[in-house]
Every structure is written in structure tokens, then in C-alpha cells.
Amino acid sequence: MDKAEAIVAALGGAGNIVEIEPCATRLRTEVSDAGRVDEAALKAAGAFGVMRSGTVVQVVVGPEADTIASDIEDLLD
């Protein structure tokens, strides 16, 4: 499983992701059910940190945020 697939799974699966966009070193995501987000799995997938506020989850991935977001969008299509 590559990093993008692991992040999608840790965010609760493709069906749980409402929106995802890169922002500098982070993936800003909105999820349907924040309870399905697995922070330990996100860190295991390479995230440096996770910040949550309701259904908004920011995943700190470093300078490859644009590439990972693009890969995740391909998976979601």
C-alpha cells in the first residue's frame, strides 16, 4: 500500500472524505465522520502530526503535500 492509499484508509476510507486539498506542508481534509479517523494509522503512514477540529482534519506530511493530495484525488475519482 502506498502512502496515499494508507492515508485514505486512515481517514476512514474514500467514502468518509468530503474534501481534500494541499496547503504548504499539510493535507487539509474534511470528513463525514471524524470518529472514523485513525491518528495512529496516519502517523504510521508517514504523517508528522495530525490536528483535528470537528470534521476538519489537517495531516502534516511535509513538502510532498501537493503530490500526496494529487495521488489521493486520483484514488477518489
Protein backbone atom coordinates (compact mmCIF):
# COMPACT_ATOMS: atom_id res chain seq x y z
CA MET A 1 0.00 0.00 0.00
CA ASP A 2 1.46 3.37 -0.93
CA LYS A 3 1.32 6.48 1.25
CA ALA A 4 -1.77 7.96 -0.44
CA GLU A 5 -3.72 4.70 -0.04
CA ALA A 6 -2.65 4.41 3.61
CA ILE A 7 -3.77 7.98 4.33
CA VAL A 8 -7.15 7.42 2.65
CA ALA A 9 -7.66 4.28 4.75
CA ALA A 10 -6.63 6.10 7.94
CA LEU A 11 -9.08 8.91 7.16
CA GLY A 12 -11.89 6.35 7.27
CA GLY A 13 -11.88 5.34 3.61
CA ALA A 14 -12.76 7.15 0.41
CA GLY A 15 -16.44 7.36 1.36
CA ASN A 16 -15.59 9.32 4.52
CA ILE A 17 -13.59 12.03 2.72
CA VAL A 18 -15.69 15.07 1.76
CA GLU A 19 -12.84 17.28 0.55
CA ILE A 20 -9.06 17.24 0.47
CA GLU A 21 -6.64 19.98 -0.54
CA PRO A 22 -2.91 20.57 -0.07
CA CYS A 23 -1.72 23.58 1.91
CA ALA A 24 2.06 24.04 2.12
CA THR A 25 3.09 21.05 4.25
CA ARG A 26 -0.39 19.79 5.15
CA LEU A 27 -3.35 17.98 3.73
CA ARG A 28 -6.49 19.82 4.78
CA THR A 29 -9.34 17.37 4.78
CA GLU A 30 -13.00 17.42 5.68
CA VAL A 31 -14.52 14.10 6.66
CA SER A 32 -18.10 12.96 7.18
CA ASP A 33 -17.40 11.09 10.42
CA ALA A 34 -14.42 12.27 12.48
CA GLY A 35 -14.74 9.16 14.66
CA ARG A 36 -13.53 7.00 11.77
CA VAL A 37 -10.16 8.83 11.55
CA ASP A 38 -7.27 6.73 12.89
CA GLU A 39 -4.50 9.09 14.02
CA ALA A 40 -2.08 6.25 14.81
CA ALA A 41 -2.52 4.89 11.27
CA LEU A 42 -1.95 8.37 9.81
CA LYS A 43 1.34 8.62 11.70
CA ALA A 44 2.27 5.08 10.64
CA ALA A 45 1.63 6.20 7.03
CA GLY A 46 4.22 8.95 7.43
CA ALA A 47 2.31 11.89 8.90
CA PHE A 48 4.39 14.09 11.20
CA GLY A 49 1.30 15.25 13.05
CA VAL A 50 -2.49 15.44 12.98
CA MET A 51 -4.69 18.35 14.01
CA ARG A 52 -8.44 17.98 14.37
CA SER A 53 -11.30 20.41 14.77
CA GLY A 54 -14.70 18.81 14.36
CA THR A 55 -14.84 17.23 10.91
CA VAL A 56 -11.74 19.08 9.68
CA VAL A 57 -8.53 17.09 9.89
CA GLN A 58 -5.13 18.51 8.96
CA VAL A 59 -2.47 15.91 8.25
CA VAL A 60 1.10 17.24 8.36
CA VAL A 61 3.05 15.40 5.65
CA GLY A 62 5.84 17.82 4.77
CA PRO A 63 6.78 19.26 1.38
CA GLU A 64 5.21 16.36 -0.53
CA ALA A 65 1.67 17.54 0.37
CA ASP A 66 0.85 18.55 -3.23
CA THR A 67 1.93 15.18 -4.62
CA ILE A 68 0.09 13.18 -1.98
CA ALA A 69 -3.09 15.27 -2.42
CA SER A 70 -2.94 14.67 -6.16
CA ASP A 71 -2.47 10.92 -5.63
CA ILE A 72 -5.42 10.84 -3.19
CA GLU A 73 -7.64 12.75 -5.63
CA ASP A 74 -6.79 10.13 -8.27
CA LEU A 75 -7.85 7.40 -5.83
CA LEU A 76 -11.12 9.19 -5.04
CA ASP A 77 -12.13 9.62 -8.70
